[in-house]
C-alpha atoms as a PDB file:
ATOM      1  CA  MET A   1     185.260 -93.914  34.715  1.00  0.00           C
ATOM      2  CA  THR A   2     185.789 -90.528  33.061  1.00  0.00           C
ATOM      3  CA  THR A   3     186.168 -87.244  34.878  1.00  0.00           C
ATOM      4  CA  GLN A   4     182.934 -86.134  33.196  1.00  0.00           C
ATOM      5  CA  THR A   5     181.101 -88.858  35.123  1.00  0.00           C
ATOM      6  CA  ILE A   6     181.925 -87.137  38.383  1.00  0.00           C
ATOM      7  CA  GLU A   7     181.783 -83.558  37.107  1.00  0.00           C
ATOM      8  CA  PHE A   8     178.543 -82.959  39.012  1.00  0.00           C
ATOM      9  CA  VAL A   9     180.486 -82.844  42.270  1.00  0.00           C
ATOM     10  CA  ARG A  10     181.501 -79.297  41.403  1.00  0.00           C
ATOM     11  CA  GLN A  11     177.938 -78.095  41.891  1.00  0.00           C
ATOM     12  CA  LYS A  12     177.090 -76.516  45.212  1.00  0.00           C
ATOM     13  CA  LYS A  13     175.006 -78.854  47.347  1.00  0.00           C
ATOM     14  CA  SER A  14     173.664 -78.782  50.886  1.00  0.00           C
ATOM     15  CA  ASN A  15     174.011 -81.759  53.189  1.00  0.00           C
ATOM     16  CA  THR A  16     170.232 -82.167  53.320  1.00  0.00           C
ATOM     17  CA  GLU A  17     170.096 -83.138  49.642  1.00  0.00           C
ATOM     18  CA  VAL A  18     170.233 -86.826  48.820  1.00  0.00           C
ATOM     19  CA  GLN A  19     173.218 -87.649  46.622  1.00  0.00           C
ATOM     20  CA  ARG A  20     173.914 -91.340  46.305  1.00  0.00           C
ATOM     21  CA  TRP A  21     177.551 -92.195  45.692  1.00  0.00           C
ATOM     22  CA  SER A  22     178.594 -95.620  44.471  1.00  0.00           C
ATOM     23  CA  VAL A  23     181.856 -97.090  45.731  1.00  0.00           C
ATOM     24  CA  ALA A  24     183.063 -97.128  42.110  1.00  0.00           C
ATOM     25  CA  GLU A  25     182.434 -93.381  41.743  1.00  0.00           C
ATOM     26  CA  ILE A  26     184.328 -92.645  44.935  1.00  0.00           C
ATOM     27  CA  GLU A  27     187.171 -94.932  43.936  1.00  0.00           C
ATOM     28  CA  ALA A  28     187.349 -92.993  40.657  1.00  0.00           C
ATOM     29  CA  LEU A  29     187.856 -89.814  42.665  1.00  0.00           C
ATOM     30  CA  PHE A  30     190.677 -91.449  44.614  1.00  0.00           C
ATOM     31  CA  THR A  31     192.454 -92.394  41.394  1.00  0.00           C
ATOM     32  CA  LEU A  32     192.285 -88.990  39.698  1.00  0.00           C
ATOM     33  CA  PRO A  33     195.639 -87.335  38.997  1.00  0.00           C
ATOM     34  CA  PHE A  34     196.664 -85.688  42.267  1.00  0.00           C
ATOM     35  CA  SER A  35     196.534 -82.103  40.983  1.00  0.00           C
ATOM     36  CA  ASP A  36     193.081 -82.673  39.453  1.00  0.00           C
ATOM     37  CA  LEU A  37     191.746 -84.125  42.699  1.00  0.00           C
ATOM     38  CA  MET A  38     193.159 -81.260  44.751  1.00  0.00           C
ATOM     39  CA  PHE A  39     191.756 -78.660  42.353  1.00  0.00           C
ATOM     40  CA  ARG A  40     188.323 -80.253  42.480  1.00  0.00           C
ATOM     41  CA  ALA A  41     188.362 -80.482  46.286  1.00  0.00           C
ATOM     42  CA  GLN A  42     189.507 -76.882  46.647  1.00  0.00           C
ATOM     43  CA  GLN A  43     186.718 -75.689  44.356  1.00  0.00           C
ATOM     44  CA  VAL A  44     184.092 -77.495  46.462  1.00  0.00           C
ATOM     45  CA  HIS A  45     185.682 -76.222  49.669  1.00  0.00           C
ATOM     46  CA  ARG A  46     185.680 -72.575  48.553  1.00  0.00           C
ATOM     47  CA  GLU A  47     182.032 -72.764  47.526  1.00  0.00           C
ATOM     48  CA  GLN A  48     181.058 -73.615  51.100  1.00  0.00           C
ATOM     49  CA  PHE A  49     183.690 -72.214  53.467  1.00  0.00           C
ATOM     50  CA  ASP A  50     186.277 -69.552  54.113  1.00  0.00           C
ATOM     51  CA  PRO A  51     189.284 -71.536  52.807  1.00  0.00           C
ATOM     52  CA  ASN A  52     191.636 -70.049  55.391  1.00  0.00           C
ATOM     53  CA  ALA A  53     189.517 -70.665  58.498  1.00  0.00           C
ATOM     54  CA  VAL A  54     189.885 -73.777  60.631  1.00  0.00           C
ATOM     55  CA  GLN A  55     187.654 -74.964  63.451  1.00  0.00           C
ATOM     56  CA  LEU A  56     189.501 -75.875  66.656  1.00  0.00           C
ATOM     57  CA  SER A  57     188.216 -78.729  68.820  1.00  0.00           C
ATOM     58  CA  THR A  58     189.781 -80.016  72.016  1.00  0.00           C
ATOM     59  CA  LEU A  59     189.280 -83.621  73.097  1.00  0.00           C
ATOM     60  CA  LEU A  60     189.370 -84.830  76.698  1.00  0.00           C
ATOM     61  CA  SER A  61     189.225 -88.413  77.965  1.00  0.00           C
ATOM     62  CA  ILE A  62     186.697 -88.287  80.801  1.00  0.00           C
ATOM     63  CA  LYS A  63     186.974 -92.039  81.460  1.00  0.00           C
ATOM     64  CA  THR A  64     190.161 -93.823  80.377  1.00  0.00           C
ATOM     65  CA  GLY A  65     191.031 -97.489  79.847  1.00  0.00           C
ATOM     66  CA  GLY A  66     189.390-100.821  80.601  1.00  0.00           C
ATOM     67  CA  CYS A  67     187.032-100.784  77.621  1.00  0.00           C
ATOM     68  CA  SER A  68     185.224-104.073  76.949  1.00  0.00           C
ATOM     69  CA  GLU A  69     185.473-103.643  73.171  1.00  0.00           C
ATOM     70  CA  ASP A  70     188.343-105.257  71.237  1.00  0.00           C
ATOM     71  CA  CYS A  71     188.982-102.547  68.595  1.00  0.00           C
ATOM     72  CA  GLY A  72     192.336-103.525  67.089  1.00  0.00           C
ATOM     73  CA  TYR A  73     193.665 -99.972  66.979  1.00  0.00           C
ATOM     74  CA  CYS A  74     192.728 -98.907  70.503  1.00  0.00           C
ATOM     75  CA  PRO A  75     195.144 -98.877  73.459  1.00  0.00           C
ATOM     76  CA  GLN A  76     192.191 -98.477  75.850  1.00  0.00           C
ATOM     77  CA  SER A  77     190.806-101.939  75.106  1.00  0.00           C
ATOM     78  CA  ALA A  78     190.900-104.394  78.007  1.00  0.00           C
ATOM     79  CA  PHE A  79     191.844-107.037  75.411  1.00  0.00           C
ATOM     80  CA  HIS A  80     195.221-105.379  74.723  1.00  0.00           C
ATOM     81  CA  SER A  81     198.331-104.732  76.806  1.00  0.00           C
ATOM     82  CA  ALA A  82     199.195-101.223  75.699  1.00  0.00           C
ATOM     83  CA  GLY A  83     200.060 -99.833  79.125  1.00  0.00           C
ATOM     84  CA  VAL A  84     197.012 -97.594  79.436  1.00  0.00           C
ATOM     85  CA  GLU A  85     195.892 -97.320  83.052  1.00  0.00           C
ATOM     86  CA  ASN A  86     192.230 -97.924  83.821  1.00  0.00           C
ATOM     87  CA  ARG A  87     191.058 -94.701  85.474  1.00  0.00           C
ATOM     88  CA  LYS A  88     187.682 -93.728  86.878  1.00  0.00           C
ATOM     89  CA  MET A  89     185.568 -90.958  85.426  1.00  0.00           C
ATOM     90  CA  LEU A  90     186.739 -87.403  86.002  1.00  0.00           C
ATOM     91  CA  ASP A  91     184.815 -85.078  88.276  1.00  0.00           C
ATOM     92  CA  VAL A  92     182.687 -82.419  86.603  1.00  0.00           C
ATOM     93  CA  SER A  93     184.929 -79.696  88.070  1.00  0.00           C
ATOM     94  CA  GLU A  94     188.000 -81.241  86.383  1.00  0.00           C
ATOM     95  CA  VAL A  95     186.202 -81.348  83.043  1.00  0.00           C
ATOM     96  CA  VAL A  96     185.074 -77.724  83.309  1.00  0.00           C
ATOM     97  CA  LYS A  97     188.617 -76.653  84.209  1.00  0.00           C
ATOM     98  CA  ALA A  98     189.970 -78.436  81.120  1.00  0.00           C
ATOM     99  CA  ALA A  99     187.249 -76.928  78.932  1.00  0.00           C
ATOM    100  CA  LYS A 100     187.987 -73.421  80.182  1.00  0.00           C
ATOM    101  CA  ALA A 101     191.706 -73.901  79.480  1.00  0.00           C
ATOM    102  CA  ALA A 102     190.877 -75.107  75.970  1.00  0.00           C
ATOM    103  CA  GLN A 103     188.607 -72.121  75.411  1.00  0.00           C
ATOM    104  CA  ASP A 104     191.306 -69.728  76.617  1.00  0.00           C
ATOM    105  CA  ALA A 105     193.722 -71.341  74.145  1.00  0.00           C
ATOM    106  CA  GLY A 106     191.288 -70.690  71.271  1.00  0.00           C
ATOM    107  CA  ALA A 107     189.167 -73.844  70.993  1.00  0.00           C
ATOM    108  CA  ASP A 108     185.451 -73.373  70.330  1.00  0.00           C
ATOM    109  CA  ARG A 109     184.308 -77.006  70.575  1.00  0.00           C
ATOM    110  CA  PHE A 110     184.989 -79.322  73.519  1.00  0.00           C
ATOM    111  CA  CYS A 111     184.727 -83.070  73.020  1.00  0.00           C
ATOM    112  CA  MET A 112     184.369 -85.528  75.909  1.00  0.00           C
ATOM    113  CA  GLY A 113     185.281 -89.168  75.317  1.00  0.00           C
ATOM    114  CA  ALA A 114     184.751 -92.216  77.521  1.00  0.00           C
ATOM    115  CA  ALA A 115     186.212 -95.708  77.148  1.00  0.00           C
ATOM    116  CA  TRP A 116     183.342 -98.118  77.547  1.00  0.00           C
ATOM    117  CA  ARG A 117     180.955-100.082  75.344  1.00  0.00           C
ATOM    118  CA  GLU A 118     177.963 -98.036  76.471  1.00  0.00           C
ATOM    119  CA  PRO A 119     177.235 -95.730  79.423  1.00  0.00           C
ATOM    120  CA  SER A 120     175.472 -96.861  82.584  1.00  0.00           C
ATOM    121  CA  GLU A 121     172.697 -94.886  84.265  1.00  0.00           C
ATOM    122  CA  GLU A 122     175.213 -93.487  86.767  1.00  0.00           C
ATOM    123  CA  ASP A 123     177.624 -92.601  83.965  1.00  0.00           C
ATOM    124  CA  MET A 124     174.916 -90.728  82.091  1.00  0.00           C
ATOM    125  CA  ALA A 125     174.032 -88.587  85.086  1.00  0.00           C
ATOM    126  CA  ALA A 126     177.649 -87.399  85.327  1.00  0.00           C
ATOM    127  CA  VAL A 127     177.958 -86.812  81.576  1.00  0.00           C
ATOM    128  CA  VAL A 128     174.747 -84.758  81.520  1.00  0.00           C
ATOM    129  CA  ASP A 129     176.221 -82.488  84.211  1.00  0.00           C
ATOM    130  CA  MET A 130     179.432 -82.148  82.192  1.00  0.00           C
ATOM    131  CA  VAL A 131     177.573 -81.218  79.017  1.00  0.00           C
ATOM    132  CA  LYS A 132     175.511 -78.578  80.789  1.00  0.00           C
ATOM    133  CA  SER A 133     178.562 -77.107  82.523  1.00  0.00           C
ATOM    134  CA  VAL A 134     180.717 -76.932  79.395  1.00  0.00           C
ATOM    135  CA  ARG A 135     177.878 -75.457  77.387  1.00  0.00           C
ATOM    136  CA  ALA A 136     177.499 -72.775  80.042  1.00  0.00           C
ATOM    137  CA  LEU A 137     181.008 -71.590  79.089  1.00  0.00           C
ATOM    138  CA  GLY A 138     179.694 -70.776  75.617  1.00  0.00           C
ATOM    139  CA  MET A 139     181.470 -73.668  73.875  1.00  0.00           C
ATOM    140  CA  GLU A 140     180.034 -76.201  71.465  1.00  0.00           C
ATOM    141  CA  THR A 141     179.836 -79.609  73.092  1.00  0.00           C
ATOM    142  CA  CYS A 142     180.553 -83.045  71.686  1.00  0.00           C
ATOM    143  CA  ALA A 143     180.599 -86.452  73.355  1.00  0.00           C
ATOM    144  CA  THR A 144     181.713 -89.925  72.345  1.00  0.00           C
ATOM    145  CA  LEU A 145     180.349 -92.500  74.769  1.00  0.00           C
ATOM    146  CA  GLY A 146     179.884 -95.659  72.709  1.00  0.00           C
ATOM    147  CA  MET A 147     176.478 -97.090  71.916  1.00  0.00           C
ATOM    148  CA  LEU A 148     173.352 -95.274  73.093  1.00  0.00           C
ATOM    149  CA  ASN A 149     169.746 -96.320  73.606  1.00  0.00           C
ATOM    150  CA  ASP A 150     166.771 -94.002  73.032  1.00  0.00           C
ATOM    151  CA  GLU A 151     166.573 -92.875  76.651  1.00  0.00           C
ATOM    152  CA  GLN A 152     170.250 -91.945  76.777  1.00  0.00           C
ATOM    153  CA  THR A 153     170.031 -90.083  73.501  1.00  0.00           C
ATOM    154  CA  GLU A 154     167.116 -88.071  74.837  1.00  0.00           C
ATOM    155  CA  GLN A 155     169.046 -87.249  78.010  1.00  0.00           C
ATOM    156  CA  LEU A 156     171.900 -85.828  75.974  1.00  0.00           C
ATOM    157  CA  ARG A 157     169.513 -83.839  73.789  1.00  0.00           C
ATOM    158  CA  VAL A 158     167.838 -82.277  76.822  1.00  0.00           C
ATOM    159  CA  ALA A 159     171.260 -81.470  78.301  1.00  0.00           C
ATOM    160  CA  GLY A 160     172.008 -79.484  75.145  1.00  0.00           C
ATOM    161  CA  LEU A 161     174.683 -81.663  73.541  1.00  0.00           C
ATOM    162  CA  ASP A 162     175.545 -80.215  70.147  1.00  0.00           C
ATOM    163  CA  TYR A 163     177.390 -83.138  68.511  1.00  0.00           C
ATOM    164  CA  TYR A 164     177.607 -86.852  69.151  1.00  0.00           C
ATOM    165  CA  ASN A 165     180.669 -88.634  67.821  1.00  0.00           C
ATOM    166  CA  HIS A 166     180.427 -92.284  66.806  1.00  0.00           C
ATOM    167  CA  ASN A 167     182.899 -93.263  64.100  1.00  0.00           C
ATOM    168  CA  LEU A 168     182.159 -95.966  61.560  1.00  0.00           C
ATOM    169  CA  ASP A 169     185.917 -96.696  61.547  1.00  0.00           C
ATOM    170  CA  THR A 170     185.971 -98.505  58.193  1.00  0.00           C
ATOM    171  CA  THR A 171     183.804-100.105  55.524  1.00  0.00           C
ATOM    172  CA  PRO A 172     181.395-102.917  56.506  1.00  0.00           C
ATOM    173  CA  GLU A 173     183.416-105.424  54.467  1.00  0.00           C
ATOM    174  CA  PHE A 174     186.613-104.755  56.447  1.00  0.00           C
ATOM    175  CA  TYR A 175     185.033-104.108  59.838  1.00  0.00           C
ATOM    176  CA  GLY A 176     185.336-107.706  61.067  1.00  0.00           C
ATOM    177  CA  ASN A 177     189.110-107.530  60.611  1.00  0.00           C
ATOM    178  CA  ILE A 178     189.274-104.760  63.209  1.00  0.00           C
ATOM    179  CA  ILE A 179     186.463-105.329  65.728  1.00  0.00           C
ATOM    180  CA  SER A 180     184.534-108.426  66.819  1.00  0.00           C
ATOM    181  CA  THR A 181     182.681-107.255  69.938  1.00  0.00           C
ATOM    182  CA  ARG A 182     180.012-105.236  68.143  1.00  0.00           C
ATOM    183  CA  ASP A 183     178.383-105.210  64.735  1.00  0.00           C
ATOM    184  CA  TYR A 184     178.548-102.484  62.125  1.00  0.00           C
ATOM    185  CA  GLN A 185     174.790-102.136  62.422  1.00  0.00           C
ATOM    186  CA  ASP A 186     175.201-101.262  66.112  1.00  0.00           C
ATOM    187  CA  ARG A 187     177.110 -98.172  65.056  1.00  0.00           C
ATOM    188  CA  LEU A 188     174.544 -97.219  62.428  1.00  0.00           C
ATOM    189  CA  ASP A 189     171.707 -97.671  64.935  1.00  0.00           C
ATOM    190  CA  THR A 190     173.332 -95.310  67.434  1.00  0.00           C
ATOM    191  CA  LEU A 191     173.873 -92.682  64.746  1.00  0.00           C
ATOM    192  CA  GLU A 192     170.240 -92.996  63.682  1.00  0.00           C
ATOM    193  CA  ARG A 193     169.106 -92.426  67.269  1.00  0.00           C
ATOM    194  CA  VAL A 194     171.311 -89.330  67.515  1.00  0.00           C
ATOM    195  CA  ARG A 195     169.903 -87.974  64.265  1.00  0.00           C
ATOM    196  CA  ARG A 196     166.299 -88.630  65.297  1.00  0.00           C
ATOM    197  CA  ALA A 197     166.901 -86.771  68.544  1.00  0.00           C
ATOM    198  CA  GLY A 198     167.946 -83.683  66.581  1.00  0.00           C
ATOM    199  CA  MET A 199     171.622 -83.576  67.537  1.00  0.00           C
ATOM    200  CA  HIS A 200     174.430 -83.088  65.027  1.00  0.00           C
ATOM    201  CA  VAL A 201     176.341 -86.168  63.940  1.00  0.00           C
ATOM    202  CA  CYS A 202     180.115 -86.411  64.091  1.00  0.00           C
ATOM    203  CA  SER A 203     181.264 -89.568  62.337  1.00  0.00           C
ATOM    204  CA  GLY A 204     184.302 -90.559  60.340  1.00  0.00           C
ATOM    205  CA  GLY A 205     186.869 -93.300  60.256  1.00  0.00           C
ATOM    206  CA  ILE A 206     190.455 -94.466  60.403  1.00  0.00           C
ATOM    207  CA  VAL A 207     192.645 -95.117  57.387  1.00  0.00           C
ATOM    208  CA  GLY A 208     195.912 -97.028  57.295  1.00  0.00           C
ATOM    209  CA  MET A 209     194.567-100.119  59.091  1.00  0.00           C
ATOM    210  CA  GLY A 210     195.378-102.439  56.183  1.00  0.00           C
ATOM    211  CA  GLU A 211     192.288-101.695  54.107  1.00  0.00           C
ATOM    212  CA  ASN A 212     192.611-101.549  50.323  1.00  0.00           C
ATOM    213  CA  LEU A 213     191.561 -98.651  48.112  1.00  0.00           C
ATOM    214  CA  THR A 214     188.098-100.060  47.429  1.00  0.00           C
ATOM    215  CA  GLN A 215     187.497-100.486  51.158  1.00  0.00           C
ATOM    216  CA  ARG A 216     188.696 -96.937  51.831  1.00  0.00           C
ATOM    217  CA  ALA A 217     186.254 -95.736  49.178  1.00  0.00           C
ATOM    218  CA  GLY A 218     183.589 -97.873  50.863  1.00  0.00           C
ATOM    219  CA  LEU A 219     184.049 -96.008  54.145  1.00  0.00           C
ATOM    220  CA  ILE A 220     183.550 -92.652  52.425  1.00  0.00           C
ATOM    221  CA  ALA A 221     180.489 -94.038  50.622  1.00  0.00           C
ATOM    222  CA  GLN A 222     178.945 -95.107  53.940  1.00  0.00           C
ATOM    223  CA  LEU A 223     179.394 -91.622  55.347  1.00  0.00           C
ATOM    224  CA  ALA A 224     178.469 -89.630  52.242  1.00  0.00           C
ATOM    225  CA  ASN A 225     175.289 -91.648  51.638  1.00  0.00           C
ATOM    226  CA  MET A 226     173.830 -90.983  55.078  1.00  0.00           C
ATOM    227  CA  ASN A 227     170.766 -88.760  54.782  1.00  0.00           C
ATOM    228  CA  PRO A 228     171.918 -86.249  55.753  1.00  0.00           C
ATOM    229  CA  TYR A 229     175.625 -86.946  55.881  1.00  0.00           C
ATOM    230  CA  PRO A 230     177.482 -86.031  59.119  1.00  0.00           C
ATOM    231  CA  GLU A 231     178.024 -82.373  59.883  1.00  0.00           C
ATOM    232  CA  SER A 232     181.464 -83.266  61.207  1.00  0.00           C
ATOM    233  CA  VAL A 233     183.734 -85.907  59.638  1.00  0.00           C
ATOM    234  CA  PRO A 234     186.957 -86.800  61.475  1.00  0.00           C
ATOM    235  CA  ILE A 235     189.514 -88.559  59.273  1.00  0.00           C
ATOM    236  CA  ASN A 236     192.080 -90.366  61.403  1.00  0.00           C
ATOM    237  CA  ASN A 237     195.435 -91.732  60.295  1.00  0.00           C
ATOM    238  CA  LEU A 238     196.185 -94.867  62.308  1.00  0.00           C
ATOM    239  CA  VAL A 239     198.389 -94.192  65.326  1.00  0.00           C
ATOM    240  CA  LYS A 240     200.265 -97.445  65.881  1.00  0.00           C
ATOM    241  CA  VAL A 241     200.472 -98.245  69.594  1.00  0.00           C
ATOM    242  CA  GLU A 242     202.673-101.002  70.981  1.00  0.00           C
ATOM    243  CA  GLY A 243     200.537-103.744  72.479  1.00  0.00           C
ATOM    244  CA  THR A 244     197.647-103.388  70.028  1.00  0.00           C
ATOM    245  CA  PRO A 245     197.064-105.801  67.105  1.00  0.00           C
ATOM    246  CA  LEU A 246     197.767-103.044  64.566  1.00  0.00           C
ATOM    247  CA  ALA A 247     201.076-101.953  66.101  1.00  0.00           C
ATOM    248  CA  ASP A 248     203.083-103.358  63.184  1.00  0.00           C
ATOM    249  CA  GLN A 249     200.759-102.215  60.418  1.00  0.00           C
ATOM    250  CA  GLU A 250     202.533-100.823  57.352  1.00  0.00           C
ATOM    251  CA  GLU A 251     202.551 -97.029  57.147  1.00  0.00           C
ATOM    252  CA  LEU A 252     200.006 -95.392  54.856  1.00  0.00           C
ATOM    253  CA  ASP A 253     201.540 -93.212  52.145  1.00  0.00           C
ATOM    254  CA  PRO A 254     200.970 -89.593  53.265  1.00  0.00           C
ATOM    255  CA  LEU A 255     199.588 -88.654  49.845  1.00  0.00           C
ATOM    256  CA  ASP A 256     196.986 -91.415  50.142  1.00  0.00           C
ATOM    257  CA  PHE A 257     195.875 -89.785  53.384  1.00  0.00           C
ATOM    258  CA  VAL A 258     195.662 -86.394  51.651  1.00  0.00           C
ATOM    259  CA  ARG A 259     193.585 -88.011  48.912  1.00  0.00           C
ATOM    260  CA  THR A 260     191.176 -89.319  51.567  1.00  0.00           C
ATOM    261  CA  ILE A 261     190.685 -85.792  52.905  1.00  0.00           C
ATOM    262  CA  ALA A 262     190.024 -84.484  49.385  1.00  0.00           C
ATOM    263  CA  VAL A 263     187.500 -87.220  48.579  1.00  0.00           C
ATOM    264  CA  ALA A 264     185.695 -86.612  51.880  1.00  0.00           C
ATOM    265  CA  ARG A 265     185.462 -82.910  51.019  1.00  0.00           C
ATOM    266  CA  ILE A 266     184.100 -83.532  47.523  1.00  0.00           C
ATOM    267  CA  THR A 267     181.485 -86.060  48.635  1.00  0.00           C
ATOM    268  CA  MET A 268     180.406 -84.140  51.762  1.00  0.00           C
ATOM    269  CA  PRO A 269     180.695 -80.488  50.705  1.00  0.00           C
ATOM    270  CA  THR A 270     179.220 -78.762  53.762  1.00  0.00           C
ATOM    271  CA  ALA A 271     180.721 -81.022  56.440  1.00  0.00           C
ATOM    272  CA  ARG A 272     183.575 -79.931  58.625  1.00  0.00           C
ATOM    273  CA  VAL A 273     186.276 -82.401  57.626  1.00  0.00           C
ATOM    274  CA  ARG A 274     188.556 -82.856  60.610  1.00  0.00           C
ATOM    275  CA  LEU A 275     192.226 -83.683  60.402  1.00  0.00           C
ATOM    276  CA  SER A 276     192.278 -85.927  63.465  1.00  0.00           C
ATOM    277  CA  ALA A 277     194.499 -88.622  64.985  1.00  0.00           C
ATOM    278  CA  GLY A 278     197.934 -89.138  63.480  1.00  0.00           C
ATOM    279  CA  ARG A 279     198.640 -85.458  62.967  1.00  0.00           C
ATOM    280  CA  GLN A 280     201.569 -85.466  65.392  1.00  0.00           C
ATOM    281  CA  GLN A 281     203.453 -87.708  62.978  1.00  0.00           C
ATOM    282  CA  MET A 282     202.712 -85.493  59.961  1.00  0.00           C
ATOM    283  CA  SER A 283     205.073 -82.865  58.613  1.00  0.00           C
ATOM    284  CA  ASP A 284     203.903 -79.286  58.187  1.00  0.00           C
ATOM    285  CA  ALA A 285     203.917 -79.870  54.420  1.00  0.00           C
ATOM    286  CA  VAL A 286     201.541 -82.846  54.632  1.00  0.00           C
ATOM    287  CA  GLN A 287     199.205 -80.935  56.946  1.00  0.00           C
ATOM    288  CA  ALA A 288     199.256 -77.995  54.527  1.00  0.00           C
ATOM    289  CA  LEU A 289     198.212 -80.344  51.722  1.00  0.00           C
ATOM    290  CA  CYS A 290     195.378 -81.636  53.901  1.00  0.00           C
ATOM    291  CA  PHE A 291     194.096 -78.094  54.406  1.00  0.00           C
ATOM    292  CA  LEU A 292     194.405 -77.504  50.672  1.00  0.00           C
ATOM    293  CA  ALA A 293     192.408 -80.718  50.141  1.00  0.00           C
ATOM    294  CA  GLY A 294     189.544 -79.334  52.228  1.00  0.00           C
ATOM    295  CA  ALA A 295     190.266 -80.145  55.874  1.00  0.00           C
ATOM    296  CA  ASN A 296     188.906 -77.288  57.957  1.00  0.00           C
ATOM    297  CA  SER A 297     188.885 -78.651  61.487  1.00  0.00           C
ATOM    298  CA  ILE A 298     191.591 -80.036  63.767  1.00  0.00           C
ATOM    299  CA  PHE A 299     191.881 -81.509  67.216  1.00  0.00           C
ATOM    300  CA  TYR A 300     193.716 -78.828  69.131  1.00  0.00           C
ATOM    301  CA  GLY A 301     195.744 -79.475  72.258  1.00  0.00           C
ATOM    302  CA  ASP A 302     198.656 -81.642  73.348  1.00  0.00           C
ATOM    303  CA  GLN A 303     196.656 -84.853  73.915  1.00  0.00           C
ATOM    304  CA  LEU A 304     193.849 -86.768  72.251  1.00  0.00           C
ATOM    305  CA  LEU A 305     192.261 -89.563  74.299  1.00  0.00           C
ATOM    306  CA  THR A 306     195.495 -91.421  75.058  1.00  0.00           C
ATOM    307  CA  THR A 307     197.774 -90.580  72.136  1.00  0.00           C
ATOM    308  CA  GLY A 308     199.768 -87.438  71.481  1.00  0.00           C
ATOM    309  CA  ASN A 309     198.841 -84.431  69.379  1.00  0.00           C
ATOM    310  CA  PRO A 310     200.851 -81.393  68.232  1.00  0.00           C
ATOM    311  CA  ASP A 311     201.117 -78.820  70.990  1.00  0.00           C
ATOM    312  CA  VAL A 312     199.237 -75.543  70.801  1.00  0.00           C
ATOM    313  CA  GLU A 313     202.353 -73.515  69.997  1.00  0.00           C
ATOM    314  CA  ARG A 314     203.211 -75.745  67.027  1.00  0.00           C
ATOM    315  CA  ASP A 315     199.665 -75.509  65.690  1.00  0.00           C
ATOM    316  CA  ARG A 316     199.534 -71.749  66.064  1.00  0.00           C
ATOM    317  CA  ALA A 317     202.892 -71.439  64.303  1.00  0.00           C
ATOM    318  CA  LEU A 318     201.672 -73.641  61.447  1.00  0.00           C
ATOM    319  CA  LEU A 319     198.422 -71.720  61.018  1.00  0.00           C
ATOM    320  CA  ASP A 320     200.355 -68.441  61.022  1.00  0.00           C
ATOM    321  CA  LYS A 321     202.785 -69.818  58.438  1.00  0.00           C
ATOM    322  CA  LEU A 322     199.868 -70.781  56.197  1.00  0.00           C
ATOM    323  CA  GLY A 323     197.948 -67.540  56.727  1.00  0.00           C
ATOM    324  CA  MET A 324     195.130 -69.459  58.401  1.00  0.00           C
ATOM    325  CA  TYR A 325     193.146 -68.604  61.502  1.00  0.00           C
ATOM    326  CA  PRO A 326     190.585 -70.144  63.871  1.00  0.00           C
ATOM    327  CA  PHE A 327     187.042 -70.172  62.536  1.00  0.00           C
ATOM    328  CA  ALA A 328     185.884 -68.245  65.616  1.00  0.00           C
ATOM    329  CA  GLU A 329     188.207 -65.378  64.667  1.00  0.00           C
ATOM    330  CA  SER A 330     186.911 -65.179  61.088  1.00  0.00           C
ATOM    331  CA  HIS A 331     183.536 -63.774  62.170  1.00  0.00           C
END
């Protein structure tokens, strides 16, 4: 496929326009010469965003461990022996305290994650209180709670939830290699319910799980062809945790990860592309390339759900070194 075939990606588009991407077209982006791909991604990025601003999100595990899903990458699965303690849900006061600390450190979005297949009625009542309380601080709110039904989606909408995170993880063709306890369609159905309710969608995936290039392109195609595509797209680099089936997975080449960021930016121009899990293992140089490729959001804070993340001081030092600043400070 020639570069002319994909030249149209340089045009400014909104995420409400329908732009169908074939897997072959996306794979062609992945295989462009690196400098050409980066140039193209940077052009698209600058048409939509301040290229030096980054959105800061903090993630808190409000219910940890004991999940009934068997996701091969996840240390919180009850199927794996990764040493993660099964802990009950946090109190609302603990969540608000964590959100306030994140806000004071510069975060403007607070994400609450729970390890379960789907929330119970009792769980939802607590989460609704958390969403309302965090929103009262003036922060954007996001939650990742597994599968939702229509009633639960409506409860979150009424509570004022801004974003719902539900990652596709990988392409449909590779999904069965990673998870057997739910279908790919289950994930798509939950995202459709979130979209119908009027909330923003946060959905991305994980690379480095053993997928090939075509399958990696297939993940991006799934996301980019949603109508509209997600407003927030977290791209995770597999964090290998002892005791999980993917603990011995071969490392992904860092430049292949950078390419994934660039392709996500080109195919979803107005989305916030988030540099997510795996960042603690990345050098400053690789992270800088990811920002150059169009990443403009990071998880900010020392901990993700159960795995580590660069500390606030390291992130601030990196942003200063690159002449970048939090999105909230650019207005």
